[in-house]
Amino acid sequence: MSTVPVPASPPAPPRIQWPSLVVALLIMVGGTLYPPVMADAAGKADHNLAMALFWAMSAGFVRGVGFVPQRWIWRALFSGWACAAALLLAAVLKLQH
């Protein structure tokens, strides 16, 4: 008597995470249409603010389209919570000016 292996169920399809995706799209469009949002009061580029916004945008796109990285470090850096934390960091940096 031979045993036929039962195929594993297929993985669940990725689900779009709308809040993260909307944040990423808003940062992308806002930074494209009004780049001075990433500048300080003197009009010079604020690299810390830009880094926080780009991190929020990247995490928003990665998680927003439903991709979940395998390694824990990338999963942590590109999660919905990381998107929110980076957005909060950007707001704090912007309010310091």
PDB file of N, CA and C in Angstrom:
ATOM      1  N   MET A   1       0.837  -1.162   0.000  1.00  0.00           N
ATOM      2  CA  MET A   1       0.000   0.000   0.000  1.00  0.00           C
ATOM      3  C   MET A   1       0.894   1.241   0.000  1.00  0.00           C
ATOM      4  N   SER A   2       0.743   2.080  -0.997  1.00  0.00           N
ATOM      5  CA  SER A   2       1.551   3.305  -1.074  1.00  0.00           C
ATOM      6  C   SER A   2       0.722   4.504  -0.607  1.00  0.00           C
ATOM      7  N   THR A   3       1.418   5.396  -0.020  1.00  0.00           N
ATOM      8  CA  THR A   3       0.735   6.602   0.469  1.00  0.00           C
ATOM      9  C   THR A   3       1.014   7.745  -0.494  1.00  0.00           C
ATOM     10  N   VAL A   4      -0.038   8.366  -0.897  1.00  0.00           N
ATOM     11  CA  VAL A   4       0.093   9.519  -1.792  1.00  0.00           C
ATOM     12  C   VAL A   4       0.136  10.780  -0.927  1.00  0.00           C
ATOM     13  N   PRO A   5       1.196  11.576  -1.087  1.00  0.00           N
ATOM     14  CA  PRO A   5       1.280  12.789  -0.257  1.00  0.00           C
ATOM     15  C   PRO A   5       0.165  13.769  -0.634  1.00  0.00           C
ATOM     16  N   VAL A   6      -0.388  14.348   0.376  1.00  0.00           N
ATOM     17  CA  VAL A   6      -1.440  15.344   0.168  1.00  0.00           C
ATOM     18  C   VAL A   6      -0.765  16.699  -0.026  1.00  0.00           C
ATOM     19  N   PRO A   7      -1.074  17.363  -1.128  1.00  0.00           N
ATOM     20  CA  PRO A   7      -0.423  18.660  -1.349  1.00  0.00           C
ATOM     21  C   PRO A   7      -0.864  19.670  -0.288  1.00  0.00           C
ATOM     22  N   ALA A   8       0.087  20.481   0.105  1.00  0.00           N
ATOM     23  CA  ALA A   8      -0.207  21.520   1.093  1.00  0.00           C
ATOM     24  C   ALA A   8      -1.122  22.556   0.461  1.00  0.00           C
ATOM     25  N   SER A   9      -1.895  23.185   1.298  1.00  0.00           N
ATOM     26  CA  SER A   9      -2.793  24.212   0.768  1.00  0.00           C
ATOM     27  C   SER A   9      -1.953  25.392   0.259  1.00  0.00           C
ATOM     28  N   PRO A  10      -2.398  25.996  -0.822  1.00  0.00           N
ATOM     29  CA  PRO A  10      -1.621  27.117  -1.366  1.00  0.00           C
ATOM     30  C   PRO A  10      -1.625  28.281  -0.383  1.00  0.00           C
ATOM     31  N   PRO A  11      -0.548  29.073  -0.408  1.00  0.00           N
ATOM     32  CA  PRO A  11      -0.497  30.205   0.516  1.00  0.00           C
ATOM     33  C   PRO A  11      -1.600  31.217   0.186  1.00  0.00           C
ATOM     34  N   ALA A  12      -2.020  31.908   1.211  1.00  0.00           N
ATOM     35  CA  ALA A  12      -3.061  32.920   1.015  1.00  0.00           C
ATOM     36  C   ALA A  12      -2.520  34.031   0.111  1.00  0.00           C
ATOM     37  N   PRO A  13      -3.343  34.530  -0.773  1.00  0.00           N
ATOM     38  CA  PRO A  13      -2.871  35.609  -1.642  1.00  0.00           C
ATOM     39  C   PRO A  13      -2.595  36.867  -0.821  1.00  0.00           C
ATOM     40  N   PRO A  14      -1.629  37.674  -1.260  1.00  0.00           N
ATOM     41  CA  PRO A  14      -1.322  38.887  -0.511  1.00  0.00           C
ATOM     42  C   PRO A  14      -2.525  39.825  -0.494  1.00  0.00           C
ATOM     43  N   ARG A  15      -2.704  40.464   0.631  1.00  0.00           N
ATOM     44  CA  ARG A  15      -3.824  41.393   0.771  1.00  0.00           C
ATOM     45  C   ARG A  15      -3.303  42.810   0.827  1.00  0.00           C
ATOM     46  N   ILE A  16      -3.928  43.691   0.095  1.00  0.00           N
ATOM     47  CA  ILE A  16      -3.543  45.099   0.103  1.00  0.00           C
ATOM     48  C   ILE A  16      -3.890  45.692   1.458  1.00  0.00           C
ATOM     49  N   GLN A  17      -2.953  46.411   2.032  1.00  0.00           N
ATOM     50  CA  GLN A  17      -3.154  47.107   3.304  1.00  0.00           C
ATOM     51  C   GLN A  17      -3.363  48.589   2.974  1.00  0.00           C
ATOM     52  N   TRP A  18      -4.604  48.973   2.859  1.00  0.00           N
ATOM     53  CA  TRP A  18      -4.948  50.305   2.377  1.00  0.00           C
ATOM     54  C   TRP A  18      -4.365  51.458   3.184  1.00  0.00           C
ATOM     55  N   PRO A  19      -4.366  51.446   4.512  1.00  0.00           N
ATOM     56  CA  PRO A  19      -3.797  52.594   5.240  1.00  0.00           C
ATOM     57  C   PRO A  19      -2.328  52.843   4.885  1.00  0.00           C
ATOM     58  N   SER A  20      -1.526  51.787   4.847  1.00  0.00           N
ATOM     59  CA  SER A  20      -0.108  51.940   4.518  1.00  0.00           C
ATOM     60  C   SER A  20       0.074  52.414   3.083  1.00  0.00           C
ATOM     61  N   LEU A  21      -0.707  51.854   2.181  1.00  0.00           N
ATOM     62  CA  LEU A  21      -0.586  52.232   0.777  1.00  0.00           C
ATOM     63  C   LEU A  21      -1.007  53.677   0.558  1.00  0.00           C
ATOM     64  N   VAL A  22      -2.051  54.126   1.228  1.00  0.00           N
ATOM     65  CA  VAL A  22      -2.508  55.514   1.086  1.00  0.00           C
ATOM     66  C   VAL A  22      -1.458  56.480   1.630  1.00  0.00           C
ATOM     67  N   VAL A  23      -0.852  56.153   2.772  1.00  0.00           N
ATOM     68  CA  VAL A  23       0.209  57.005   3.320  1.00  0.00           C
ATOM     69  C   VAL A  23       1.365  57.108   2.328  1.00  0.00           C
ATOM     70  N   ALA A  24       1.774  55.994   1.764  1.00  0.00           N
ATOM     71  CA  ALA A  24       2.886  55.998   0.806  1.00  0.00           C
ATOM     72  C   ALA A  24       2.544  56.840  -0.420  1.00  0.00           C
ATOM     73  N   LEU A  25       1.343  56.689  -0.931  1.00  0.00           N
ATOM     74  CA  LEU A  25       0.947  57.471  -2.106  1.00  0.00           C
ATOM     75  C   LEU A  25       0.869  58.957  -1.796  1.00  0.00           C
ATOM     76  N   LEU A  26       0.375  59.318  -0.619  1.00  0.00           N
ATOM     77  CA  LEU A  26       0.305  60.730  -0.243  1.00  0.00           C
ATOM     78  C   LEU A  26       1.689  61.345  -0.089  1.00  0.00           C
ATOM     79  N   ILE A  27       2.616  60.608   0.510  1.00  0.00           N
ATOM     80  CA  ILE A  27       3.988  61.112   0.630  1.00  0.00           C
ATOM     81  C   ILE A  27       4.608  61.267  -0.750  1.00  0.00           C
ATOM     82  N   MET A  28       4.397  60.297  -1.626  1.00  0.00           N
ATOM     83  CA  MET A  28       4.958  60.354  -2.971  1.00  0.00           C
ATOM     84  C   MET A  28       4.421  61.559  -3.741  1.00  0.00           C
ATOM     85  N   VAL A  29       3.104  61.716  -3.740  1.00  0.00           N
ATOM     86  CA  VAL A  29       2.495  62.822  -4.488  1.00  0.00           C
ATOM     87  C   VAL A  29       2.841  64.163  -3.842  1.00  0.00           C
ATOM     88  N   GLY A  30       2.773  64.229  -2.503  1.00  0.00           N
ATOM     89  CA  GLY A  30       3.083  65.483  -1.813  1.00  0.00           C
ATOM     90  C   GLY A  30       4.522  65.920  -2.022  1.00  0.00           C
ATOM     91  N   GLY A  31       5.456  64.984  -1.935  1.00  0.00           N
ATOM     92  CA  GLY A  31       6.865  65.320  -2.160  1.00  0.00           C
ATOM     93  C   GLY A  31       7.162  65.688  -3.593  1.00  0.00           C
ATOM     94  N   THR A  32       6.393  65.141  -4.522  1.00  0.00           N
ATOM     95  CA  THR A  32       6.590  65.471  -5.933  1.00  0.00           C
ATOM     96  C   THR A  32       6.024  66.853  -6.266  1.00  0.00           C
ATOM     97  N   LEU A  33       4.843  67.124  -5.760  1.00  0.00           N
ATOM     98  CA  LEU A  33       4.188  68.399  -6.076  1.00  0.00           C
ATOM     99  C   LEU A  33       4.736  69.564  -5.264  1.00  0.00           C
ATOM    100  N   TYR A  34       5.191  69.312  -4.039  1.00  0.00           N
ATOM    101  CA  TYR A  34       5.671  70.386  -3.181  1.00  0.00           C
ATOM    102  C   TYR A  34       6.933  69.948  -2.429  1.00  0.00           C
ATOM    103  N   PRO A  35       8.084  69.935  -3.129  1.00  0.00           N
ATOM    104  CA  PRO A  35       9.332  69.482  -2.501  1.00  0.00           C
ATOM    105  C   PRO A  35       9.785  70.308  -1.296  1.00  0.00           C
ATOM    106  N   PRO A  36       9.419  71.593  -1.181  1.00  0.00           N
ATOM    107  CA  PRO A  36       9.863  72.327   0.012  1.00  0.00           C
ATOM    108  C   PRO A  36       9.367  71.743   1.331  1.00  0.00           C
ATOM    109  N   VAL A  37       8.431  70.799   1.283  1.00  0.00           N
ATOM    110  CA  VAL A  37       7.993  70.159   2.520  1.00  0.00           C
ATOM    111  C   VAL A  37       9.161  69.436   3.186  1.00  0.00           C
ATOM    112  N   MET A  38      10.181  69.083   2.418  1.00  0.00           N
ATOM    113  CA  MET A  38      11.351  68.385   2.954  1.00  0.00           C
ATOM    114  C   MET A  38      12.527  69.330   3.163  1.00  0.00           C
ATOM    115  N   ALA A  39      12.228  70.620   3.325  1.00  0.00           N
ATOM    116  CA  ALA A  39      13.274  71.617   3.542  1.00  0.00           C
ATOM    117  C   ALA A  39      13.096  72.242   4.920  1.00  0.00           C
ATOM    118  N   ASP A  40      14.183  72.818   5.412  1.00  0.00           N
ATOM    119  CA  ASP A  40      14.089  73.510   6.696  1.00  0.00           C
ATOM    120  C   ASP A  40      13.632  74.949   6.462  1.00  0.00           C
ATOM    121  N   ALA A  41      13.629  75.744   7.520  1.00  0.00           N
ATOM    122  CA  ALA A  41      13.133  77.115   7.425  1.00  0.00           C
ATOM    123  C   ALA A  41      13.987  77.972   6.496  1.00  0.00           C
ATOM    124  N   ALA A  42      15.267  77.638   6.368  1.00  0.00           N
ATOM    125  CA  ALA A  42      16.160  78.391   5.487  1.00  0.00           C
ATOM    126  C   ALA A  42      16.057  77.940   4.037  1.00  0.00           C
ATOM    127  N   GLY A  43      15.274  76.934   3.762  1.00  0.00           N
ATOM    128  CA  GLY A  43      15.108  76.445   2.398  1.00  0.00           C
ATOM    129  C   GLY A  43      16.108  75.377   1.997  1.00  0.00           C
ATOM    130  N   LYS A  44      16.981  74.973   2.924  1.00  0.00           N
ATOM    131  CA  LYS A  44      17.944  73.915   2.633  1.00  0.00           C
ATOM    132  C   LYS A  44      17.309  72.560   2.905  1.00  0.00           C
ATOM    133  N   ALA A  45      17.789  71.562   2.222  1.00  0.00           N
ATOM    134  CA  ALA A  45      17.247  70.208   2.388  1.00  0.00           C
ATOM    135  C   ALA A  45      17.438  69.724   3.818  1.00  0.00           C
ATOM    136  N   ASP A  46      16.374  69.210   4.407  1.00  0.00           N
ATOM    137  CA  ASP A  46      16.427  68.616   5.739  1.00  0.00           C
ATOM    138  C   ASP A  46      16.541  67.106   5.547  1.00  0.00           C
ATOM    139  N   HIS A  47      17.754  66.608   5.640  1.00  0.00           N
ATOM    140  CA  HIS A  47      18.018  65.211   5.322  1.00  0.00           C
ATOM    141  C   HIS A  47      17.379  64.247   6.321  1.00  0.00           C
ATOM    142  N   ASN A  48      17.312  64.635   7.579  1.00  0.00           N
ATOM    143  CA  ASN A  48      16.673  63.760   8.569  1.00  0.00           C
ATOM    144  C   ASN A  48      15.175  63.637   8.305  1.00  0.00           C
ATOM    145  N   LEU A  49      14.538  64.757   7.984  1.00  0.00           N
ATOM    146  CA  LEU A  49      13.116  64.725   7.660  1.00  0.00           C
ATOM    147  C   LEU A  49      12.868  63.910   6.389  1.00  0.00           C
ATOM    148  N   ALA A  50      13.699  64.131   5.374  1.00  0.00           N
ATOM    149  CA  ALA A  50      13.551  63.375   4.123  1.00  0.00           C
ATOM    150  C   ALA A  50      13.744  61.883   4.367  1.00  0.00           C
ATOM    151  N   MET A  51      14.721  61.521   5.214  1.00  0.00           N
ATOM    152  CA  MET A  51      14.946  60.108   5.514  1.00  0.00           C
ATOM    153  C   MET A  51      13.722  59.492   6.180  1.00  0.00           C
ATOM    154  N   ALA A  52      13.140  60.205   7.146  1.00  0.00           N
ATOM    155  CA  ALA A  52      11.965  59.683   7.830  1.00  0.00           C
ATOM    156  C   ALA A  52      10.786  59.542   6.867  1.00  0.00           C
ATOM    157  N   LEU A  53      10.584  60.531   6.004  1.00  0.00           N
ATOM    158  CA  LEU A  53       9.487  60.460   5.039  1.00  0.00           C
ATOM    159  C   LEU A  53       9.704  59.342   4.023  1.00  0.00           C
ATOM    160  N   PHE A  54      10.935  59.189   3.562  1.00  0.00           N
ATOM    161  CA  PHE A  54      11.211  58.124   2.586  1.00  0.00           C
ATOM    162  C   PHE A  54      11.097  56.744   3.218  1.00  0.00           C
ATOM    163  N   TRP A  55      11.459  56.628   4.494  1.00  0.00           N
ATOM    164  CA  TRP A  55      11.278  55.358   5.198  1.00  0.00           C
ATOM    165  C   TRP A  55       9.788  55.049   5.326  1.00  0.00           C
ATOM    166  N   ALA A  56       8.999  56.061   5.704  1.00  0.00           N
ATOM    167  CA  ALA A  56       7.552  55.858   5.811  1.00  0.00           C
ATOM    168  C   ALA A  56       6.961  55.480   4.453  1.00  0.00           C
ATOM    169  N   MET A  57       7.422  56.146   3.394  1.00  0.00           N
ATOM    170  CA  MET A  57       6.913  55.850   2.061  1.00  0.00           C
ATOM    171  C   MET A  57       7.310  54.431   1.633  1.00  0.00           C
ATOM    172  N   SER A  58       8.554  54.060   1.868  1.00  0.00           N
ATOM    173  CA  SER A  58       9.015  52.719   1.482  1.00  0.00           C
ATOM    174  C   SER A  58       8.261  51.639   2.250  1.00  0.00           C
ATOM    175  N   ALA A  59       8.147  51.820   3.556  1.00  0.00           N
ATOM    176  CA  ALA A  59       7.422  50.840   4.368  1.00  0.00           C
ATOM    177  C   ALA A  59       5.956  50.788   3.946  1.00  0.00           C
ATOM    178  N   GLY A  60       5.401  51.943   3.625  1.00  0.00           N
ATOM    179  CA  GLY A  60       4.012  51.985   3.180  1.00  0.00           C
ATOM    180  C   GLY A  60       3.794  51.232   1.889  1.00  0.00           C
ATOM    181  N   PHE A  61       4.703  51.397   0.946  1.00  0.00           N
ATOM    182  CA  PHE A  61       4.553  50.678  -0.316  1.00  0.00           C
ATOM    183  C   PHE A  61       4.759  49.172  -0.142  1.00  0.00           C
ATOM    184  N   VAL A  62       5.799  48.793   0.611  1.00  0.00           N
ATOM    185  CA  VAL A  62       6.085  47.367   0.790  1.00  0.00           C
ATOM    186  C   VAL A  62       4.914  46.670   1.469  1.00  0.00           C
ATOM    187  N   ARG A  63       4.467  47.227   2.585  1.00  0.00           N
ATOM    188  CA  ARG A  63       3.360  46.597   3.319  1.00  0.00           C
ATOM    189  C   ARG A  63       2.027  46.840   2.622  1.00  0.00           C
ATOM    190  N   GLY A  64       1.907  47.984   1.982  1.00  0.00           N
ATOM    191  CA  GLY A  64       0.652  48.340   1.337  1.00  0.00           C
ATOM    192  C   GLY A  64       0.253  47.403   0.214  1.00  0.00           C
ATOM    193  N   VAL A  65       1.225  46.918  -0.539  1.00  0.00           N
ATOM    194  CA  VAL A  65       0.894  46.004  -1.630  1.00  0.00           C
ATOM    195  C   VAL A  65       0.745  44.567  -1.145  1.00  0.00           C
ATOM    196  N   GLY A  66       0.974  44.349   0.153  1.00  0.00           N
ATOM    197  CA  GLY A  66       0.758  43.031   0.723  1.00  0.00           C
ATOM    198  C   GLY A  66       2.000  42.176   0.871  1.00  0.00           C
ATOM    199  N   PHE A  67       3.166  42.721   0.589  1.00  0.00           N
ATOM    200  CA  PHE A  67       4.392  41.941   0.713  1.00  0.00           C
ATOM    201  C   PHE A  67       4.826  41.888   2.166  1.00  0.00           C
ATOM    202  N   VAL A  68       5.152  40.699   2.658  1.00  0.00           N
ATOM    203  CA  VAL A  68       5.656  40.517   4.019  1.00  0.00           C
ATOM    204  C   VAL A  68       6.999  39.803   3.902  1.00  0.00           C
ATOM    205  N   PRO A  69       8.107  40.508   4.185  1.00  0.00           N
ATOM    206  CA  PRO A  69       9.424  39.877   4.079  1.00  0.00           C
ATOM    207  C   PRO A  69       9.570  38.687   5.020  1.00  0.00           C
ATOM    208  N   GLN A  70      10.465  37.772   4.679  1.00  0.00           N
ATOM    209  CA  GLN A  70      10.691  36.573   5.478  1.00  0.00           C
ATOM    210  C   GLN A  70      11.545  36.855   6.709  1.00  0.00           C
ATOM    211  N   ARG A  71      12.623  37.597   6.541  1.00  0.00           N
ATOM    212  CA  ARG A  71      13.525  37.866   7.673  1.00  0.00           C
ATOM    213  C   ARG A  71      12.889  38.891   8.605  1.00  0.00           C
ATOM    214  N   TRP A  72      13.074  38.685   9.899  1.00  0.00           N
ATOM    215  CA  TRP A  72      12.408  39.519  10.899  1.00  0.00           C
ATOM    216  C   TRP A  72      12.851  40.975  10.829  1.00  0.00           C
ATOM    217  N   ILE A  73      14.127  41.231  10.506  1.00  0.00           N
ATOM    218  CA  ILE A  73      14.606  42.619  10.475  1.00  0.00           C
ATOM    219  C   ILE A  73      13.904  43.409   9.372  1.00  0.00           C
ATOM    220  N   TRP A  74      13.767  42.797   8.192  1.00  0.00           N
ATOM    221  CA  TRP A  74      13.093  43.485   7.082  1.00  0.00           C
ATOM    222  C   TRP A  74      11.593  43.583   7.346  1.00  0.00           C
ATOM    223  N   ARG A  75      11.045  42.552   7.971  1.00  0.00           N
ATOM    224  CA  ARG A  75       9.623  42.586   8.327  1.00  0.00           C
ATOM    225  C   ARG A  75       9.349  43.723   9.306  1.00  0.00           C
ATOM    226  N   ALA A  76      10.290  43.942  10.234  1.00  0.00           N
ATOM    227  CA  ALA A  76      10.132  45.024  11.209  1.00  0.00           C
ATOM    228  C   ALA A  76      10.296  46.397  10.556  1.00  0.00           C
ATOM    229  N   LEU A  77      11.288  46.528   9.677  1.00  0.00           N
ATOM    230  CA  LEU A  77      11.557  47.829   9.046  1.00  0.00           C
ATOM    231  C   LEU A  77      10.512  48.225   8.009  1.00  0.00           C
ATOM    232  N   PHE A  78       9.822  47.257   7.430  1.00  0.00           N
ATOM    233  CA  PHE A  78       8.848  47.556   6.382  1.00  0.00           C
ATOM    234  C   PHE A  78       7.440  47.120   6.763  1.00  0.00           C
ATOM    235  N   SER A  79       7.107  47.224   8.036  1.00  0.00           N
ATOM    236  CA  SER A  79       5.770  46.867   8.496  1.00  0.00           C
ATOM    237  C   SER A  79       4.869  48.100   8.508  1.00  0.00           C
ATOM    238  N   GLY A  80       3.611  47.875   8.745  1.00  0.00           N
ATOM    239  CA  GLY A  80       2.684  48.995   8.879  1.00  0.00           C
ATOM    240  C   GLY A  80       3.015  49.839  10.095  1.00  0.00           C
ATOM    241  N   TRP A  81       3.460  49.185  11.170  1.00  0.00           N
ATOM    242  CA  TRP A  81       3.850  49.927  12.367  1.00  0.00           C
ATOM    243  C   TRP A  81       5.089  50.773  12.114  1.00  0.00           C
ATOM    244  N   ALA A  82       6.025  50.264  11.327  1.00  0.00           N
ATOM    245  CA  ALA A  82       7.218  51.039  10.988  1.00  0.00           C
ATOM    246  C   ALA A  82       6.835  52.251  10.150  1.00  0.00           C
ATOM    247  N   CYS A  83       5.872  52.088   9.256  1.00  0.00           N
ATOM    248  CA  CYS A  83       5.380  53.202   8.454  1.00  0.00           C
ATOM    249  C   CYS A  83       4.807  54.287   9.370  1.00  0.00           C
ATOM    250  N   ALA A  84       4.010  53.887  10.349  1.00  0.00           N
ATOM    251  CA  ALA A  84       3.416  54.840  11.292  1.00  0.00           C
ATOM    252  C   ALA A  84       4.489  55.506  12.150  1.00  0.00           C
ATOM    253  N   ALA A  85       5.472  54.732  12.607  1.00  0.00           N
ATOM    254  CA  ALA A  85       6.543  55.285  13.443  1.00  0.00           C
ATOM    255  C   ALA A  85       7.386  56.285  12.659  1.00  0.00           C
ATOM    256  N   ALA A  86       7.706  55.964  11.412  1.00  0.00           N
ATOM    257  CA  ALA A  86       8.490  56.875  10.586  1.00  0.00           C
ATOM    258  C   ALA A  86       7.700  58.142  10.275  1.00  0.00           C
ATOM    259  N   LEU A  87       6.406  58.007  10.075  1.00  0.00           N
ATOM    260  CA  LEU A  87       5.559  59.172   9.832  1.00  0.00           C
ATOM    261  C   LEU A  87       5.500  60.052  11.086  1.00  0.00           C
ATOM    262  N   LEU A  88       5.405  59.444  12.245  1.00  0.00           N
ATOM    263  CA  LEU A  88       5.423  60.192  13.502  1.00  0.00           C
ATOM    264  C   LEU A  88       6.765  60.892  13.695  1.00  0.00           C
ATOM    265  N   LEU A  89       7.859  60.201  13.388  1.00  0.00           N
ATOM    266  CA  LEU A  89       9.188  60.802  13.470  1.00  0.00           C
ATOM    267  C   LEU A  89       9.295  61.996  12.527  1.00  0.00           C
ATOM    268  N   ALA A  90       8.771  61.866  11.315  1.00  0.00           N
ATOM    269  CA  ALA A  90       8.798  62.971  10.360  1.00  0.00           C
ATOM    270  C   ALA A  90       8.001  64.165  10.882  1.00  0.00           C
ATOM    271  N   ALA A  91       6.861  63.908  11.509  1.00  0.00           N
ATOM    272  CA  ALA A  91       6.045  64.999  12.058  1.00  0.00           C
ATOM    273  C   ALA A  91       6.788  65.707  13.190  1.00  0.00           C
ATOM    274  N   VAL A  92       7.438  64.937  14.051  1.00  0.00           N
ATOM    275  CA  VAL A  92       8.204  65.541  15.149  1.00  0.00           C
ATOM    276  C   VAL A  92       9.352  66.386  14.593  1.00  0.00           C
ATOM    277  N   LEU A  93      10.059  65.861  13.599  1.00  0.00           N
ATOM    278  CA  LEU A  93      11.166  66.612  13.007  1.00  0.00           C
ATOM    279  C   LEU A  93      10.672  67.882  12.324  1.00  0.00           C
ATOM    280  N   LYS A  94       9.533  67.812  11.652  1.00  0.00           N
ATOM    281  CA  LYS A  94       8.987  68.977  10.961  1.00  0.00           C
ATOM    282  C   LYS A  94       8.537  70.034  11.978  1.00  0.00           C
ATOM    283  N   LEU A  95       7.966  69.612  13.098  1.00  0.00           N
ATOM    284  CA  LEU A  95       7.486  70.554  14.097  1.00  0.00           C
ATOM    285  C   LEU A  95       8.632  71.202  14.885  1.00  0.00           C
ATOM    286  N   GLN A  96       9.819  70.654  14.805  1.00  0.00           N
ATOM    287  CA  GLN A  96      10.967  71.246  15.500  1.00  0.00           C
ATOM    288  C   GLN A  96      11.464  72.514  14.800  1.00  0.00           C
ATOM    289  N   HIS A  97      11.043  72.758  13.601  1.00  0.00           N
ATOM    290  CA  HIS A  97      11.509  73.950  12.864  1.00  0.00           C
ATOM    291  C   HIS A  97      10.649  75.140  13.169  1.00  0.00           C
TER     292      HIS A  97
END
